[in-house]
PDB file of all heavy atoms in Angstrom:
ATOM      1  N   ALA A   1     112.052 110.634  84.250  1.00  0.00           N
ATOM      2  CA  ALA A   1     111.794 110.687  85.692  1.00  0.00           C
ATOM      3  C   ALA A   1     110.665 109.732  86.068  1.00  0.00           C
ATOM      4  O   ALA A   1     110.756 109.004  87.062  1.00  0.00           O
ATOM      5  CB  ALA A   1     111.455 112.108  86.123  1.00  0.00           C
ATOM      6  N   CYS A   2     109.606 109.726  85.264  1.00  0.00           N
ATOM      7  CA  CYS A   2     108.480 108.816  85.532  1.00  0.00           C
ATOM      8  C   CYS A   2     108.932 107.363  85.433  1.00  0.00           C
ATOM      9  O   CYS A   2     108.534 106.520  86.249  1.00  0.00           O
ATOM     10  CB  CYS A   2     107.339 109.073  84.556  1.00  0.00           C
ATOM     11  SG  CYS A   2     106.527 110.657  84.796  1.00  0.00           S
ATOM     12  N   TYR A   3     109.753 107.085  84.448  1.00  0.00           N
ATOM     13  CA  TYR A   3     110.289 105.728  84.290  1.00  0.00           C
ATOM     14  C   TYR A   3     111.062 105.319  85.549  1.00  0.00           C
ATOM     15  O   TYR A   3     110.866 104.224  86.078  1.00  0.00           O
ATOM     16  CB  TYR A   3     111.188 105.668  83.057  1.00  0.00           C
ATOM     17  CG  TYR A   3     111.926 104.363  82.901  1.00  0.00           C
ATOM     18  CD1 TYR A   3     111.265 103.229  82.430  1.00  0.00           C
ATOM     19  CD2 TYR A   3     113.273 104.258  83.236  1.00  0.00           C
ATOM     20  CE1 TYR A   3     111.934 102.020  82.296  1.00  0.00           C
ATOM     21  CE2 TYR A   3     113.948 103.056  83.109  1.00  0.00           C
ATOM     22  CZ  TYR A   3     113.271 101.945  82.644  1.00  0.00           C
ATOM     23  OH  TYR A   3     113.935 100.740  82.515  1.00  0.00           O
ATOM     24  N   LEU A   4     111.916 106.213  86.033  1.00  0.00           N
ATOM     25  CA  LEU A   4     112.683 105.895  87.246  1.00  0.00           C
ATOM     26  C   LEU A   4     111.782 105.756  88.462  1.00  0.00           C
ATOM     27  O   LEU A   4     112.019 104.905  89.323  1.00  0.00           O
ATOM     28  CB  LEU A   4     113.745 106.976  87.489  1.00  0.00           C
ATOM     29  CG  LEU A   4     114.878 107.023  86.467  1.00  0.00           C
ATOM     30  CD1 LEU A   4     115.776 108.221  86.733  1.00  0.00           C
ATOM     31  CD2 LEU A   4     115.680 105.727  86.465  1.00  0.00           C
ATOM     32  N   ILE A   5     110.746 106.558  88.531  1.00  0.00           N
ATOM     33  CA  ILE A   5     109.808 106.464  89.657  1.00  0.00           C
ATOM     34  C   ILE A   5     109.109 105.107  89.657  1.00  0.00           C
ATOM     35  O   ILE A   5     109.040 104.432  90.691  1.00  0.00           O
ATOM     36  CB  ILE A   5     108.797 107.625  89.634  1.00  0.00           C
ATOM     37  CG1 ILE A   5     109.493 108.924  90.064  1.00  0.00           C
ATOM     38  CG2 ILE A   5     107.590 107.333  90.529  1.00  0.00           C
ATOM     39  CD1 ILE A   5     108.671 110.181  89.863  1.00  0.00           C
ATOM     40  N   VAL A   6     108.585 104.679  88.507  1.00  0.00           N
ATOM     41  CA  VAL A   6     107.887 103.391  88.499  1.00  0.00           C
ATOM     42  C   VAL A   6     108.856 102.233  88.729  1.00  0.00           C
ATOM     43  O   VAL A   6     108.452 101.199  89.260  1.00  0.00           O
ATOM     44  CB  VAL A   6     107.040 103.168  87.219  1.00  0.00           C
ATOM     45  CG1 VAL A   6     105.905 104.178  87.140  1.00  0.00           C
ATOM     46  CG2 VAL A   6     107.868 103.164  85.962  1.00  0.00           C
ATOM     47  N   GLN A   7     110.120 102.412  88.367  1.00  0.00           N
ATOM     48  CA  GLN A   7     111.102 101.369  88.653  1.00  0.00           C
ATOM     49  C   GLN A   7     111.399 101.276  90.159  1.00  0.00           C
ATOM     50  O   GLN A   7     111.794 100.218  90.646  1.00  0.00           O
ATOM     51  CB  GLN A   7     112.410 101.629  87.891  1.00  0.00           C
ATOM     52  CG  GLN A   7     112.282 101.477  86.397  1.00  0.00           C
ATOM     53  CD  GLN A   7     111.813 100.096  85.976  1.00  0.00           C
ATOM     54  OE1 GLN A   7     112.236  99.084  86.503  1.00  0.00           O
ATOM     55  NE2 GLN A   7     110.906 100.064  85.020  1.00  0.00           N
ATOM     56  N   ASN A   8     111.189 102.378  90.884  1.00  0.00           N
ATOM     57  CA  ASN A   8     111.465 102.422  92.319  1.00  0.00           C
ATOM     58  C   ASN A   8     110.198 102.339  93.168  1.00  0.00           C
ATOM     59  O   ASN A   8     110.268 102.404  94.387  1.00  0.00           O
ATOM     60  CB  ASN A   8     112.233 103.701  92.666  1.00  0.00           C
ATOM     61  CG  ASN A   8     113.683 103.602  92.263  1.00  0.00           C
ATOM     62  OD1 ASN A   8     114.483 103.011  92.959  1.00  0.00           O
ATOM     63  ND2 ASN A   8     114.014 104.149  91.103  1.00  0.00           N
ATOM     64  N   ALA A   9     109.054 102.182  92.542  1.00  0.00           N
ATOM     65  CA  ALA A   9     107.780 102.130  93.265  1.00  0.00           C
ATOM     66  C   ALA A   9     107.504 100.715  93.768  1.00  0.00           C
ATOM     67  O   ALA A   9     108.202  99.765  93.418  1.00  0.00           O
ATOM     68  CB  ALA A   9     106.654 102.605  92.344  1.00  0.00           C
ATOM     69  N   GLY A  10     106.447 100.603  94.576  1.00  0.00           N
ATOM     70  CA  GLY A  10     106.072  99.327  95.177  1.00  0.00           C
ATOM     71  C   GLY A  10     105.772  98.254  94.144  1.00  0.00           C
ATOM     72  O   GLY A  10     104.766  98.351  93.442  1.00  0.00           O
ATOM     73  N   PRO A  11     106.619  97.235  94.049  1.00  0.00           N
ATOM     74  CA  PRO A  11     106.467  96.221  93.002  1.00  0.00           C
ATOM     75  C   PRO A  11     105.222  95.346  93.159  1.00  0.00           C
ATOM     76  O   PRO A  11     104.838  94.660  92.221  1.00  0.00           O
ATOM     77  CB  PRO A  11     107.746  95.387  93.130  1.00  0.00           C
ATOM     78  CG  PRO A  11     108.180  95.571  94.542  1.00  0.00           C
ATOM     79  CD  PRO A  11     107.756  96.970  94.922  1.00  0.00           C
ATOM     80  N   ARG A  12     104.589  95.382  94.306  1.00  0.00           N
ATOM     81  CA  ARG A  12     103.392  94.554  94.506  1.00  0.00           C
ATOM     82  C   ARG A  12     102.139  95.172  93.874  1.00  0.00           C
ATOM     83  O   ARG A  12     101.126  94.505  93.751  1.00  0.00           O
ATOM     84  CB  ARG A  12     103.159  94.329  95.996  1.00  0.00           C
ATOM     85  CG  ARG A  12     104.228  93.462  96.609  1.00  0.00           C
ATOM     86  CD  ARG A  12     103.869  93.055  98.011  1.00  0.00           C
ATOM     87  NE  ARG A  12     104.940  92.236  98.544  1.00  0.00           N
ATOM     88  CZ  ARG A  12     105.485  92.412  99.719  1.00  0.00           C
ATOM     89  NH1 ARG A  12     105.058  93.367 100.513  1.00  0.00           N
ATOM     90  NH2 ARG A  12     106.446  91.628 100.133  1.00  0.00           N
ATOM     91  N   LYS A  13     102.232  96.434  93.521  1.00  0.00           N
ATOM     92  CA  LYS A  13     101.077  97.119  92.933  1.00  0.00           C
ATOM     93  C   LYS A  13     101.025  96.805  91.442  1.00  0.00           C
ATOM     94  O   LYS A  13     101.975  97.055  90.711  1.00  0.00           O
ATOM     95  CB  LYS A  13     101.182  98.625  93.151  1.00  0.00           C
ATOM     96  CG  LYS A  13     101.142  99.018  94.605  1.00  0.00           C
ATOM     97  CD  LYS A  13     101.275 100.509  94.760  1.00  0.00           C
ATOM     98  CE  LYS A  13     101.268 100.852  96.245  1.00  0.00           C
ATOM     99  NZ  LYS A  13     101.091 102.263  96.463  1.00  0.00           N
ATOM    100  N   GLU A  14      99.895  96.294  90.996  1.00  0.00           N
ATOM    101  CA  GLU A  14      99.768  95.927  89.592  1.00  0.00           C
ATOM    102  C   GLU A  14      99.859  97.137  88.675  1.00  0.00           C
ATOM    103  O   GLU A  14     100.392  97.045  87.579  1.00  0.00           O
ATOM    104  CB  GLU A  14      98.462  95.162  89.369  1.00  0.00           C
ATOM    105  CG  GLU A  14      98.481  93.801  90.037  1.00  0.00           C
ATOM    106  CD  GLU A  14      97.205  93.012  89.816  1.00  0.00           C
ATOM    107  OE1 GLU A  14      96.409  93.389  88.941  1.00  0.00           O
ATOM    108  OE2 GLU A  14      97.022  92.014  90.516  1.00  0.00           O
ATOM    109  N   VAL A  15      99.360  98.278  89.146  1.00  0.00           N
ATOM    110  CA  VAL A  15      99.427  99.484  88.314  1.00  0.00           C
ATOM    111  C   VAL A  15     100.879  99.940  88.129  1.00  0.00           C
ATOM    112  O   VAL A  15     101.204 100.555  87.120  1.00  0.00           O
ATOM    113  CB  VAL A  15      98.520 100.604  88.880  1.00  0.00           C
ATOM    114  CG1 VAL A  15      99.087 101.202  90.159  1.00  0.00           C
ATOM    115  CG2 VAL A  15      98.259 101.672  87.839  1.00  0.00           C
ATOM    116  N   VAL A  16     101.745  99.612  89.070  1.00  0.00           N
ATOM    117  CA  VAL A  16     103.171  99.926  88.930  1.00  0.00           C
ATOM    118  C   VAL A  16     103.763  99.113  87.782  1.00  0.00           C
ATOM    119  O   VAL A  16     104.520  99.641  86.964  1.00  0.00           O
ATOM    120  CB  VAL A  16     103.933  99.693  90.252  1.00  0.00           C
ATOM    121  CG1 VAL A  16     105.440  99.757  90.045  1.00  0.00           C
ATOM    122  CG2 VAL A  16     103.495 100.711  91.307  1.00  0.00           C
ATOM    123  N   ALA A  17     103.405  97.843  87.695  1.00  0.00           N
ATOM    124  CA  ALA A  17     103.878  97.008  86.590  1.00  0.00           C
ATOM    125  C   ALA A  17     103.396  97.580  85.256  1.00  0.00           C
ATOM    126  O   ALA A  17     104.147  97.623  84.278  1.00  0.00           O
ATOM    127  CB  ALA A  17     103.386  95.569  86.761  1.00  0.00           C
ATOM    128  N   LEU A  18     102.162  98.040  85.222  1.00  0.00           N
ATOM    129  CA  LEU A  18     101.640  98.670  84.020  1.00  0.00           C
ATOM    130  C   LEU A  18     102.447  99.922  83.685  1.00  0.00           C
ATOM    131  O   LEU A  18     102.797 100.156  82.528  1.00  0.00           O
ATOM    132  CB  LEU A  18     100.164  99.025  84.217  1.00  0.00           C
ATOM    133  CG  LEU A  18      99.474  99.720  83.055  1.00  0.00           C
ATOM    134  CD1 LEU A  18      99.421  98.825  81.832  1.00  0.00           C
ATOM    135  CD2 LEU A  18      98.071 100.143  83.462  1.00  0.00           C
ATOM    136  N   GLY A  19     102.767 100.724  84.704  1.00  0.00           N
ATOM    137  CA  GLY A  19     103.564 101.932  84.497  1.00  0.00           C
ATOM    138  C   GLY A  19     104.965 101.621  84.005  1.00  0.00           C
ATOM    139  O   GLY A  19     105.505 102.322  83.137  1.00  0.00           O
ATOM    140  N   GLN A  20     105.557 100.571  84.538  1.00  0.00           N
ATOM    141  CA  GLN A  20     106.895 100.181  84.099  1.00  0.00           C
ATOM    142  C   GLN A  20     106.880  99.843  82.612  1.00  0.00           C
ATOM    143  O   GLN A  20     107.748 100.271  81.854  1.00  0.00           O
ATOM    144  CB  GLN A  20     107.400  98.994  84.919  1.00  0.00           C
ATOM    145  CG  GLN A  20     107.715  99.356  86.341  1.00  0.00           C
ATOM    146  CD  GLN A  20     107.987  98.153  87.224  1.00  0.00           C
ATOM    147  OE1 GLN A  20     107.603  97.030  86.911  1.00  0.00           O
ATOM    148  NE2 GLN A  20     108.645  98.388  88.353  1.00  0.00           N
ATOM    149  N   THR A  21     105.884  99.107  82.197  1.00  0.00           N
ATOM    150  CA  THR A  21     105.764  98.743  80.782  1.00  0.00           C
ATOM    151  C   THR A  21     105.465  99.971  79.932  1.00  0.00           C
ATOM    152  O   THR A  21     106.091 100.183  78.888  1.00  0.00           O
ATOM    153  CB  THR A  21     104.669  97.682  80.596  1.00  0.00           C
ATOM    154  OG1 THR A  21     105.015  96.533  81.380  1.00  0.00           O
ATOM    155  CG2 THR A  21     104.514  97.286  79.146  1.00  0.00           C
ATOM    156  N   TYR A  22     104.512 100.783  80.381  1.00  0.00           N
ATOM    157  CA  TYR A  22     104.122 101.964  79.614  1.00  0.00           C
ATOM    158  C   TYR A  22     105.317 102.882  79.360  1.00  0.00           C
ATOM    159  O   TYR A  22     105.582 103.255  78.213  1.00  0.00           O
ATOM    160  CB  TYR A  22     103.016 102.735  80.343  1.00  0.00           C
ATOM    161  CG  TYR A  22     102.749 104.084  79.737  1.00  0.00           C
ATOM    162  CD1 TYR A  22     101.972 104.212  78.595  1.00  0.00           C
ATOM    163  CD2 TYR A  22     103.301 105.242  80.287  1.00  0.00           C
ATOM    164  CE1 TYR A  22     101.734 105.458  78.019  1.00  0.00           C
ATOM    165  CE2 TYR A  22     103.070 106.488  79.721  1.00  0.00           C
ATOM    166  CZ  TYR A  22     102.289 106.580  78.594  1.00  0.00           C
ATOM    167  OH  TYR A  22     102.078 107.811  78.027  1.00  0.00           O
ATOM    168  N   PHE A  23     106.051 103.249  80.419  1.00  0.00           N
ATOM    169  CA  PHE A  23     107.151 104.207  80.236  1.00  0.00           C
ATOM    170  C   PHE A  23     108.325 103.597  79.485  1.00  0.00           C
ATOM    171  O   PHE A  23     108.996 104.287  78.725  1.00  0.00           O
ATOM    172  CB  PHE A  23     107.569 104.819  81.577  1.00  0.00           C
ATOM    173  CG  PHE A  23     106.572 105.817  82.076  1.00  0.00           C
ATOM    174  CD1 PHE A  23     105.729 105.526  83.128  1.00  0.00           C
ATOM    175  CD2 PHE A  23     106.442 107.054  81.460  1.00  0.00           C
ATOM    176  CE1 PHE A  23     104.776 106.453  83.571  1.00  0.00           C
ATOM    177  CE2 PHE A  23     105.501 107.984  81.881  1.00  0.00           C
ATOM    178  CZ  PHE A  23     104.666 107.673  82.950  1.00  0.00           C
ATOM    179  N   ALA A  24     108.556 102.295  79.634  1.00  0.00           N
ATOM    180  CA  ALA A  24     109.619 101.651  78.863  1.00  0.00           C
ATOM    181  C   ALA A  24     109.266 101.641  77.377  1.00  0.00           C
ATOM    182  O   ALA A  24     110.094 101.982  76.529  1.00  0.00           O
ATOM    183  CB  ALA A  24     109.850 100.227  79.367  1.00  0.00           C
ATOM    184  N   VAL A  25     108.033 101.282  77.050  1.00  0.00           N
ATOM    185  CA  VAL A  25     107.605 101.215  75.655  1.00  0.00           C
ATOM    186  C   VAL A  25     107.576 102.608  75.032  1.00  0.00           C
ATOM    187  O   VAL A  25     108.042 102.805  73.905  1.00  0.00           O
ATOM    188  CB  VAL A  25     106.227 100.516  75.537  1.00  0.00           C
ATOM    189  CG1 VAL A  25     105.633 100.691  74.146  1.00  0.00           C
ATOM    190  CG2 VAL A  25     106.355  99.045  75.885  1.00  0.00           C
ATOM    191  N   GLN A  26     107.054 103.594  75.754  1.00  0.00           N
ATOM    192  CA  GLN A  26     106.985 104.951  75.215  1.00  0.00           C
ATOM    193  C   GLN A  26     108.381 105.519  74.972  1.00  0.00           C
ATOM    194  O   GLN A  26     108.606 106.221  73.987  1.00  0.00           O
ATOM    195  CB  GLN A  26     106.187 105.871  76.144  1.00  0.00           C
ATOM    196  CG  GLN A  26     104.713 105.516  76.229  1.00  0.00           C
ATOM    197  CD  GLN A  26     104.036 105.496  74.873  1.00  0.00           C
ATOM    198  OE1 GLN A  26     104.202 106.383  74.062  1.00  0.00           O
ATOM    199  NE2 GLN A  26     103.258 104.452  74.626  1.00  0.00           N
ATOM    200  N   THR A  27     109.302 105.220  75.876  1.00  0.00           N
ATOM    201  CA  THR A  27     110.682 105.688  75.714  1.00  0.00           C
ATOM    202  C   THR A  27     111.298 105.042  74.471  1.00  0.00           C
ATOM    203  O   THR A  27     111.951 105.720  73.670  1.00  0.00           O
ATOM    204  CB  THR A  27     111.510 105.374  76.972  1.00  0.00           C
ATOM    205  OG1 THR A  27     110.920 106.063  78.073  1.00  0.00           O
ATOM    206  CG2 THR A  27     112.963 105.808  76.815  1.00  0.00           C
ATOM    207  N   LEU A  28     111.072 103.759  74.302  1.00  0.00           N
ATOM    208  CA  LEU A  28     111.595 103.064  73.126  1.00  0.00           C
ATOM    209  C   LEU A  28     111.002 103.642  71.842  1.00  0.00           C
ATOM    210  O   LEU A  28     111.716 103.871  70.862  1.00  0.00           O
ATOM    211  CB  LEU A  28     111.306 101.562  73.220  1.00  0.00           C
ATOM    212  CG  LEU A  28     111.815 100.704  72.073  1.00  0.00           C
ATOM    213  CD1 LEU A  28     113.330 100.810  71.915  1.00  0.00           C
ATOM    214  CD2 LEU A  28     111.406  99.254  72.287  1.00  0.00           C
ATOM    215  N   LYS A  29     109.703 103.905  71.840  1.00  0.00           N
ATOM    216  CA  LYS A  29     109.056 104.497  70.656  1.00  0.00           C
ATOM    217  C   LYS A  29     109.681 105.848  70.308  1.00  0.00           C
ATOM    218  O   LYS A  29     109.935 106.142  69.146  1.00  0.00           O
ATOM    219  CB  LYS A  29     107.561 104.682  70.900  1.00  0.00           C
ATOM    220  CG  LYS A  29     106.756 103.427  70.802  1.00  0.00           C
ATOM    221  CD  LYS A  29     105.280 103.746  71.050  1.00  0.00           C
ATOM    222  CE  LYS A  29     104.408 102.523  70.980  1.00  0.00           C
ATOM    223  NZ  LYS A  29     102.989 102.846  71.258  1.00  0.00           N
ATOM    224  N   LYS A  30     109.920 106.679  71.328  1.00  0.00           N
ATOM    225  CA  LYS A  30     110.527 107.994  71.089  1.00  0.00           C
ATOM    226  C   LYS A  30     111.925 107.844  70.505  1.00  0.00           C
ATOM    227  O   LYS A  30     112.312 108.592  69.611  1.00  0.00           O
ATOM    228  CB  LYS A  30     110.603 108.801  72.388  1.00  0.00           C
ATOM    229  CG  LYS A  30     109.370 109.572  72.705  1.00  0.00           C
ATOM    230  CD  LYS A  30     109.214 110.747  71.775  1.00  0.00           C
ATOM    231  CE  LYS A  30     108.270 111.737  72.376  1.00  0.00           C
ATOM    232  NZ  LYS A  30     107.661 112.641  71.480  1.00  0.00           N
ATOM    233  N   GLU A  31     112.698 106.890  71.043  1.00  0.00           N
ATOM    234  CA  GLU A  31     114.056 106.681  70.555  1.00  0.00           C
ATOM    235  C   GLU A  31     114.043 106.219  69.098  1.00  0.00           C
ATOM    236  O   GLU A  31     114.843 106.675  68.285  1.00  0.00           O
ATOM    237  CB  GLU A  31     114.785 105.658  71.428  1.00  0.00           C
ATOM    238  CG  GLU A  31     115.142 106.189  72.799  1.00  0.00           C
ATOM    239  CD  GLU A  31     115.770 105.134  73.691  1.00  0.00           C
ATOM    240  OE1 GLU A  31     116.128 104.042  73.205  1.00  0.00           O
ATOM    241  OE2 GLU A  31     115.888 105.412  74.899  1.00  0.00           O
ATOM    242  N   ILE A  32     113.118 105.333  68.759  1.00  0.00           N
ATOM    243  CA  ILE A  32     113.015 104.849  67.375  1.00  0.00           C
ATOM    244  C   ILE A  32     112.634 105.989  66.442  1.00  0.00           C
ATOM    245  O   ILE A  32     113.224 106.154  65.372  1.00  0.00           O
ATOM    246  CB  ILE A  32     112.013 103.674  67.282  1.00  0.00           C
ATOM    247  CG1 ILE A  32     112.605 102.443  67.968  1.00  0.00           C
ATOM    248  CG2 ILE A  32     111.663 103.374  65.831  1.00  0.00           C
ATOM    249  CD1 ILE A  32     111.620 101.298  68.152  1.00  0.00           C
ATOM    250  N   CYS A  33     111.669 106.805  66.850  1.00  0.00           N
ATOM    251  CA  CYS A  33     111.264 107.957  66.025  1.00  0.00           C
ATOM    252  C   CYS A  33     112.423 108.923  65.825  1.00  0.00           C
ATOM    253  O   CYS A  33     112.626 109.445  64.736  1.00  0.00           O
ATOM    254  CB  CYS A  33     110.082 108.683  66.663  1.00  0.00           C
ATOM    255  SG  CYS A  33     108.536 107.785  66.530  1.00  0.00           S
ATOM    256  N   SER A  34     113.186 109.133  66.883  1.00  0.00           N
ATOM    257  CA  SER A  34     114.330 110.031  66.803  1.00  0.00           C
ATOM    258  C   SER A  34     115.379 109.483  65.845  1.00  0.00           C
ATOM    259  O   SER A  34     115.945 110.224  65.035  1.00  0.00           O
ATOM    260  CB  SER A  34     114.926 110.225  68.200  1.00  0.00           C
ATOM    261  OG  SER A  34     116.069 111.023  68.142  1.00  0.00           O
ATOM    262  N   GLN A  35     115.636 108.183  65.910  1.00  0.00           N
ATOM    263  CA  GLN A  35     116.606 107.560  65.008  1.00  0.00           C
ATOM    264  C   GLN A  35     116.126 107.608  63.557  1.00  0.00           C
ATOM    265  O   GLN A  35     116.914 107.867  62.651  1.00  0.00           O
ATOM    266  CB  GLN A  35     116.876 106.104  65.425  1.00  0.00           C
ATOM    267  CG  GLN A  35     117.611 105.972  66.740  1.00  0.00           C
ATOM    268  CD  GLN A  35     118.970 106.634  66.711  1.00  0.00           C
ATOM    269  OE1 GLN A  35     119.689 106.592  65.721  1.00  0.00           O
ATOM    270  NE2 GLN A  35     119.331 107.283  67.806  1.00  0.00           N
ATOM    271  N   GLU A  36     114.822 107.376  63.350  1.00  0.00           N
ATOM    272  CA  GLU A  36     114.275 107.451  61.997  1.00  0.00           C
ATOM    273  C   GLU A  36     114.406 108.860  61.432  1.00  0.00           C
ATOM    274  O   GLU A  36     114.723 109.044  60.267  1.00  0.00           O
ATOM    275  CB  GLU A  36     112.805 107.018  61.993  1.00  0.00           C
ATOM    276  CG  GLU A  36     112.617 105.534  62.179  1.00  0.00           C
ATOM    277  CD  GLU A  36     111.162 105.130  62.287  1.00  0.00           C
ATOM    278  OE1 GLU A  36     110.275 106.002  62.457  1.00  0.00           O
ATOM    279  OE2 GLU A  36     110.896 103.920  62.193  1.00  0.00           O
ATOM    280  N   LYS A  37     114.180 109.853  62.269  1.00  0.00           N
ATOM    281  CA  LYS A  37     114.308 111.242  61.836  1.00  0.00           C
ATOM    282  C   LYS A  37     115.760 111.542  61.437  1.00  0.00           C
ATOM    283  O   LYS A  37     116.003 112.171  60.412  1.00  0.00           O
ATOM    284  CB  LYS A  37     113.869 112.172  62.966  1.00  0.00           C
ATOM    285  CG  LYS A  37     113.811 113.617  62.590  1.00  0.00           C
ATOM    286  CD  LYS A  37     113.274 114.447  63.740  1.00  0.00           C
ATOM    287  CE  LYS A  37     113.211 115.904  63.397  1.00  0.00           C
ATOM    288  NZ  LYS A  37     112.689 116.714  64.498  1.00  0.00           N
ATOM    289  N   LYS A  38     116.711 111.062  62.224  1.00  0.00           N
ATOM    290  CA  LYS A  38     118.127 111.259  61.902  1.00  0.00           C
ATOM    291  C   LYS A  38     118.481 110.590  60.578  1.00  0.00           C
ATOM    292  O   LYS A  38     119.213 111.154  59.767  1.00  0.00           O
ATOM    293  CB  LYS A  38     119.015 110.719  63.025  1.00  0.00           C
ATOM    294  CG  LYS A  38     119.031 111.577  64.257  1.00  0.00           C
ATOM    295  CD  LYS A  38     119.910 110.965  65.329  1.00  0.00           C
ATOM    296  CE  LYS A  38     119.830 111.761  66.618  1.00  0.00           C
ATOM    297  NZ  LYS A  38     120.623 111.132  67.699  1.00  0.00           N
TER     298      LYS A  38
END
């Protein structure tokens, strides 16, 4: 949900760009950990 929110937030805000990167990277990390566990 947070990832979708930052994707739909005001693109001119620099903190939004930071949020987009943060939630994308964290999601990827979780997916990799999940795959490693499997």
